[in-house]
Amino acid sequence: MADVFISYSRAESALADRLVSALRESAFLVDWDYNFQIACGATLNDLIDERCASATCVLVLWSIHSVASPWVLKEATHGLARRRLLQVVLDGTEPPPEFRNYIYGDLSKWDGSTGDMAYKKIADGIKFFQGRARR
């Protein structure tokens, strides 16, 4: 089981890749679509549902692009329904209205390091959900 499933828009692939590296450096098990190996006959919908359901939390990277992505919205909704939604903004774009009631982090000025306060808030959020999953 992954500690975190990352949901993002392809337009933010470079930043998502940096974040995945930082999370792995912090010893978190990360799942994201880069890992997907879809068997013939399977559907992407089923795979996403399975991956979101098995992760401790769903980390959504909100941006001007991801707020318009039906896949990101689906993944965020999955995390919300399980009460395992962790979200950050990348470029100042707020989450869609249905997700704004939940506290979110801001990586718009993240320096890429695991020592950055913005990153530490994300790591603390993952640890929070890990603690909830153990109960």
Foldseek 3Di string as FASTA:
>chain_A
DFLEEEAEDPVCVVVVVLLVVQVVVVVGGYHYPVPDDDDPPDDPVVVLLVVLVPHLAYEYEDEPPLLPDPVSVVSQVSRVVVVRYAYEYQCPDDHPPVPNVDDYAYCVPPPSHCPDPSNVVVVVSSVVSVVVVVD
